[in-house]
Amino acid sequence: MPRTPDPTITYWPSISSQTTIVVGFVSAACGAAAAWEASRVERGGITALAPARGLLGVAVLHLGPIAVLGLIAMIAPFAVVTASVAFTSGFPNPAILAVSFSVILAHIALGCFLGTRMPQFLGAATMLIFGYLWGLWPAAIGALPWLRHLNGQGVS
């Protein structure tokens, strides 16, 4: 019987990159929520009702909580993984977290764009499908290995 390796990890860049597996799910959910909210803002005519606030101010007010929830969802896996770390000196790699959060922000921006131009259900569904295809599908493709590099998942 081969001996199983020690499950504890003490290398923070490895821990940081292992927690990015949630990006595919979180970015899809945040993009769909942004599309839903942008469609709701567009249908309600909120930007026309409050001319003192610009479009950016309204977007930050309505999409900011989605970005905060996306950030919390990116940080939450560290609580799970940190419990299995034998030696917790050091910190998570901020570059990996920044790139993961920028992916979430990009999905929120795309969701906002699509939400203002599509019906409410169609915009949210499109972002859920796009998030799934971007985050999870390229890693499953074996015939086209270059496609896996689009999202950084599934490469070893």
C-alpha atoms as a PDB file:
ATOM      1  CA  MET A   1       0.000   0.000   0.000  1.00  0.00           C
ATOM      2  CA  PRO A   2       1.564   3.324  -0.978  1.00  0.00           C
ATOM      3  CA  ARG A   3       1.862   5.887   1.727  1.00  0.00           C
ATOM      4  CA  THR A   4      -0.379   8.923   1.290  1.00  0.00           C
ATOM      5  CA  PRO A   5       1.411  12.257   1.435  1.00  0.00           C
ATOM      6  CA  ASP A   6       0.935  14.615   4.332  1.00  0.00           C
ATOM      7  CA  PRO A   7      -2.279  16.593   3.630  1.00  0.00           C
ATOM      8  CA  THR A   8      -1.034  19.722   5.365  1.00  0.00           C
ATOM      9  CA  ILE A   9       0.320  22.479   3.162  1.00  0.00           C
ATOM     10  CA  THR A  10       2.690  25.136   4.444  1.00  0.00           C
ATOM     11  CA  TYR A  11       3.360  27.105   1.265  1.00  0.00           C
ATOM     12  CA  TRP A  12       1.116  30.185   1.008  1.00  0.00           C
ATOM     13  CA  PRO A  13       1.294  30.656  -2.789  1.00  0.00           C
ATOM     14  CA  SER A  14       0.051  27.077  -3.140  1.00  0.00           C
ATOM     15  CA  ILE A  15      -2.736  27.673  -0.644  1.00  0.00           C
ATOM     16  CA  SER A  16      -3.692  30.909  -2.384  1.00  0.00           C
ATOM     17  CA  SER A  17      -3.860  29.284  -5.799  1.00  0.00           C
ATOM     18  CA  GLN A  18      -5.850  26.293  -4.505  1.00  0.00           C
ATOM     19  CA  THR A  19      -8.556  28.552  -3.141  1.00  0.00           C
ATOM     20  CA  THR A  20      -9.114  30.142  -6.565  1.00  0.00           C
ATOM     21  CA  ILE A  21     -11.163  27.122  -7.644  1.00  0.00           C
ATOM     22  CA  VAL A  22     -14.220  29.026  -6.402  1.00  0.00           C
ATOM     23  CA  VAL A  23     -13.679  31.831  -8.927  1.00  0.00           C
ATOM     24  CA  GLY A  24     -15.694  29.998 -11.592  1.00  0.00           C
ATOM     25  CA  PHE A  25     -18.722  29.753  -9.339  1.00  0.00           C
ATOM     26  CA  VAL A  26     -18.426  33.133  -7.645  1.00  0.00           C
ATOM     27  CA  SER A  27     -17.822  35.098 -10.842  1.00  0.00           C
ATOM     28  CA  ALA A  28     -20.830  33.483 -12.531  1.00  0.00           C
ATOM     29  CA  ALA A  29     -23.084  34.275  -9.569  1.00  0.00           C
ATOM     30  CA  CYS A  30     -21.796  37.845  -9.267  1.00  0.00           C
ATOM     31  CA  GLY A  31     -22.193  38.441 -13.004  1.00  0.00           C
ATOM     32  CA  ALA A  32     -25.756  37.136 -12.931  1.00  0.00           C
ATOM     33  CA  ALA A  33     -26.596  39.275  -9.896  1.00  0.00           C
ATOM     34  CA  ALA A  34     -25.100  42.326 -11.619  1.00  0.00           C
ATOM     35  CA  ALA A  35     -27.124  41.668 -14.775  1.00  0.00           C
ATOM     36  CA  TRP A  36     -30.283  41.318 -12.697  1.00  0.00           C
ATOM     37  CA  GLU A  37     -29.620  44.510 -10.761  1.00  0.00           C
ATOM     38  CA  ALA A  38     -28.636  46.507 -13.853  1.00  0.00           C
ATOM     39  CA  SER A  39     -31.811  45.402 -15.601  1.00  0.00           C
ATOM     40  CA  ARG A  40     -33.831  46.417 -12.567  1.00  0.00           C
ATOM     41  CA  VAL A  41     -32.150  49.845 -12.471  1.00  0.00           C
ATOM     42  CA  GLU A  42     -32.706  50.302 -16.207  1.00  0.00           C
ATOM     43  CA  ARG A  43     -36.386  49.311 -16.044  1.00  0.00           C
ATOM     44  CA  GLY A  44     -36.962  51.555 -13.052  1.00  0.00           C
ATOM     45  CA  GLY A  45     -35.375  54.561 -14.743  1.00  0.00           C
ATOM     46  CA  ILE A  46     -33.353  55.349 -11.637  1.00  0.00           C
ATOM     47  CA  THR A  47     -30.676  57.260 -13.546  1.00  0.00           C
ATOM     48  CA  ALA A  48     -33.331  59.569 -15.027  1.00  0.00           C
ATOM     49  CA  LEU A  49     -35.054  60.106 -11.667  1.00  0.00           C
ATOM     50  CA  ALA A  50     -31.899  61.246  -9.899  1.00  0.00           C
ATOM     51  CA  PRO A  51     -30.001  63.437 -12.376  1.00  0.00           C
ATOM     52  CA  ALA A  52     -27.652  64.689  -9.660  1.00  0.00           C
ATOM     53  CA  ARG A  53     -26.120  61.227  -9.444  1.00  0.00           C
ATOM     54  CA  GLY A  54     -24.207  60.057 -12.464  1.00  0.00           C
ATOM     55  CA  LEU A  55     -24.396  56.623 -13.988  1.00  0.00           C
ATOM     56  CA  LEU A  56     -21.199  55.613 -12.207  1.00  0.00           C
ATOM     57  CA  GLY A  57     -22.591  56.677  -8.816  1.00  0.00           C
ATOM     58  CA  VAL A  58     -25.752  54.666  -9.349  1.00  0.00           C
ATOM     59  CA  ALA A  59     -23.740  51.652 -10.528  1.00  0.00           C
ATOM     60  CA  VAL A  60     -21.445  51.775  -7.499  1.00  0.00           C
ATOM     61  CA  LEU A  61     -24.424  52.093  -5.168  1.00  0.00           C
ATOM     62  CA  HIS A  62     -26.256  49.122  -6.676  1.00  0.00           C
ATOM     63  CA  LEU A  63     -23.340  46.897  -7.725  1.00  0.00           C
ATOM     64  CA  GLY A  64     -21.048  47.614  -4.778  1.00  0.00           C
ATOM     65  CA  PRO A  65     -22.735  45.072  -2.478  1.00  0.00           C
ATOM     66  CA  ILE A  66     -22.319  42.404  -5.175  1.00  0.00           C
ATOM     67  CA  ALA A  67     -18.591  43.172  -5.339  1.00  0.00           C
ATOM     68  CA  VAL A  68     -18.328  42.996  -1.539  1.00  0.00           C
ATOM     69  CA  LEU A  69     -20.077  39.621  -1.508  1.00  0.00           C
ATOM     70  CA  GLY A  70     -17.727  38.426  -4.254  1.00  0.00           C
ATOM     71  CA  LEU A  71     -14.737  39.509  -2.164  1.00  0.00           C
ATOM     72  CA  ILE A  72     -16.106  37.719   0.896  1.00  0.00           C
ATOM     73  CA  ALA A  73     -16.651  34.602  -1.205  1.00  0.00           C
ATOM     74  CA  MET A  74     -13.013  34.791  -2.354  1.00  0.00           C
ATOM     75  CA  ILE A  75     -11.670  35.207   1.191  1.00  0.00           C
ATOM     76  CA  ALA A  76     -13.921  32.558   2.815  1.00  0.00           C
ATOM     77  CA  PRO A  77     -12.008  29.535   1.429  1.00  0.00           C
ATOM     78  CA  PHE A  78      -8.940  30.699   3.325  1.00  0.00           C
ATOM     79  CA  ALA A  79     -10.750  30.004   6.600  1.00  0.00           C
ATOM     80  CA  VAL A  80     -11.283  26.418   5.494  1.00  0.00           C
ATOM     81  CA  VAL A  81      -7.807  25.881   4.098  1.00  0.00           C
ATOM     82  CA  THR A  82      -6.039  27.661   6.952  1.00  0.00           C
ATOM     83  CA  ALA A  83      -7.500  25.133   9.386  1.00  0.00           C
ATOM     84  CA  SER A  84      -5.555  22.381   7.613  1.00  0.00           C
ATOM     85  CA  VAL A  85      -2.269  24.279   7.513  1.00  0.00           C
ATOM     86  CA  ALA A  86       0.241  23.005  10.012  1.00  0.00           C
ATOM     87  CA  PHE A  87       2.342  26.166  10.119  1.00  0.00           C
ATOM     88  CA  THR A  88       0.419  29.366   9.433  1.00  0.00           C
ATOM     89  CA  SER A  89       3.201  31.945   9.398  1.00  0.00           C
ATOM     90  CA  GLY A  90       2.997  34.293   6.482  1.00  0.00           C
ATOM     91  CA  PHE A  91       0.074  35.585   4.511  1.00  0.00           C
ATOM     92  CA  PRO A  92      -1.922  34.665   1.424  1.00  0.00           C
ATOM     93  CA  ASN A  93      -0.443  35.816  -1.845  1.00  0.00           C
ATOM     94  CA  PRO A  94      -2.041  39.224  -2.561  1.00  0.00           C
ATOM     95  CA  ALA A  95      -1.326  39.030  -6.301  1.00  0.00           C
ATOM     96  CA  ILE A  96      -3.375  35.848  -6.667  1.00  0.00           C
ATOM     97  CA  LEU A  97      -6.220  37.367  -4.654  1.00  0.00           C
ATOM     98  CA  ALA A  98      -6.075  40.577  -6.714  1.00  0.00           C
ATOM     99  CA  VAL A  99      -6.280  38.685  -9.998  1.00  0.00           C
ATOM    100  CA  SER A 100      -9.170  36.574  -8.702  1.00  0.00           C
ATOM    101  CA  PHE A 101     -11.039  39.652  -7.533  1.00  0.00           C
ATOM    102  CA  SER A 102     -10.393  41.417 -10.846  1.00  0.00           C
ATOM    103  CA  VAL A 103     -12.030  38.459 -12.606  1.00  0.00           C
ATOM    104  CA  ILE A 104     -15.064  38.893 -10.370  1.00  0.00           C
ATOM    105  CA  LEU A 105     -15.140  42.639 -11.084  1.00  0.00           C
ATOM    106  CA  ALA A 106     -14.913  41.950 -14.824  1.00  0.00           C
ATOM    107  CA  HIS A 107     -17.891  39.594 -14.606  1.00  0.00           C
ATOM    108  CA  ILE A 108     -19.812  42.249 -12.654  1.00  0.00           C
ATOM    109  CA  ALA A 109     -19.004  44.862 -15.322  1.00  0.00           C
ATOM    110  CA  LEU A 110     -20.038  42.513 -18.123  1.00  0.00           C
ATOM    111  CA  GLY A 111     -23.194  41.608 -16.215  1.00  0.00           C
ATOM    112  CA  CYS A 112     -24.023  45.297 -15.824  1.00  0.00           C
ATOM    113  CA  PHE A 113     -23.483  45.849 -19.541  1.00  0.00           C
ATOM    114  CA  LEU A 114     -25.639  42.893 -20.554  1.00  0.00           C
ATOM    115  CA  GLY A 115     -28.282  43.636 -17.933  1.00  0.00           C
ATOM    116  CA  THR A 116     -28.988  47.060 -19.372  1.00  0.00           C
ATOM    117  CA  ARG A 117     -29.348  45.656 -22.887  1.00  0.00           C
ATOM    118  CA  MET A 118     -31.211  42.383 -22.336  1.00  0.00           C
ATOM    119  CA  PRO A 119     -34.422  41.368 -20.592  1.00  0.00           C
ATOM    120  CA  GLN A 120     -33.981  40.690 -16.887  1.00  0.00           C
ATOM    121  CA  PHE A 121     -34.111  36.885 -16.961  1.00  0.00           C
ATOM    122  CA  LEU A 122     -32.120  36.566 -20.172  1.00  0.00           C
ATOM    123  CA  GLY A 123     -29.282  38.788 -18.927  1.00  0.00           C
ATOM    124  CA  ALA A 124     -28.911  36.872 -15.668  1.00  0.00           C
ATOM    125  CA  ALA A 125     -29.112  33.499 -17.422  1.00  0.00           C
ATOM    126  CA  THR A 126     -26.555  34.597 -20.012  1.00  0.00           C
ATOM    127  CA  MET A 127     -24.124  35.598 -17.274  1.00  0.00           C
ATOM    128  CA  LEU A 128     -24.625  32.304 -15.430  1.00  0.00           C
ATOM    129  CA  ILE A 129     -23.881  30.351 -18.610  1.00  0.00           C
ATOM    130  CA  PHE A 130     -20.945  32.588 -19.546  1.00  0.00           C
ATOM    131  CA  GLY A 131     -19.486  32.304 -16.041  1.00  0.00           C
ATOM    132  CA  TYR A 132     -19.788  28.536 -16.169  1.00  0.00           C
ATOM    133  CA  LEU A 133     -18.193  28.302 -19.592  1.00  0.00           C
ATOM    134  CA  TRP A 134     -15.356  30.653 -18.671  1.00  0.00           C
ATOM    135  CA  GLY A 135     -14.633  29.257 -15.241  1.00  0.00           C
ATOM    136  CA  LEU A 136     -15.166  25.536 -15.508  1.00  0.00           C
ATOM    137  CA  TRP A 137     -15.416  24.361 -19.090  1.00  0.00           C
ATOM    138  CA  PRO A 138     -11.871  25.151 -20.401  1.00  0.00           C
ATOM    139  CA  ALA A 139     -10.310  23.028 -17.660  1.00  0.00           C
ATOM    140  CA  ALA A 140     -12.310  20.022 -18.861  1.00  0.00           C
ATOM    141  CA  ILE A 141     -11.134  20.270 -22.457  1.00  0.00           C
ATOM    142  CA  GLY A 142      -8.357  17.854 -23.183  1.00  0.00           C
ATOM    143  CA  ALA A 143      -8.028  18.176 -26.953  1.00  0.00           C
ATOM    144  CA  LEU A 144      -7.244  21.901 -26.916  1.00  0.00           C
ATOM    145  CA  PRO A 145      -4.704  22.443 -24.119  1.00  0.00           C
ATOM    146  CA  TRP A 146      -4.151  26.119 -24.974  1.00  0.00           C
ATOM    147  CA  LEU A 147      -7.769  26.853 -24.084  1.00  0.00           C
ATOM    148  CA  ARG A 148      -7.172  25.905 -20.441  1.00  0.00           C
ATOM    149  CA  HIS A 149      -4.837  28.890 -20.100  1.00  0.00           C
ATOM    150  CA  LEU A 150      -7.723  31.328 -20.588  1.00  0.00           C
ATOM    151  CA  ASN A 151      -8.777  31.009 -16.960  1.00  0.00           C
ATOM    152  CA  GLY A 152      -5.739  29.491 -15.249  1.00  0.00           C
ATOM    153  CA  GLN A 153      -7.617  26.443 -13.964  1.00  0.00           C
ATOM    154  CA  GLY A 154      -6.799  22.878 -14.865  1.00  0.00           C
ATOM    155  CA  VAL A 155      -3.156  23.403 -15.738  1.00  0.00           C
ATOM    156  CA  SER A 156      -0.499  21.438 -13.944  1.00  0.00           C
END
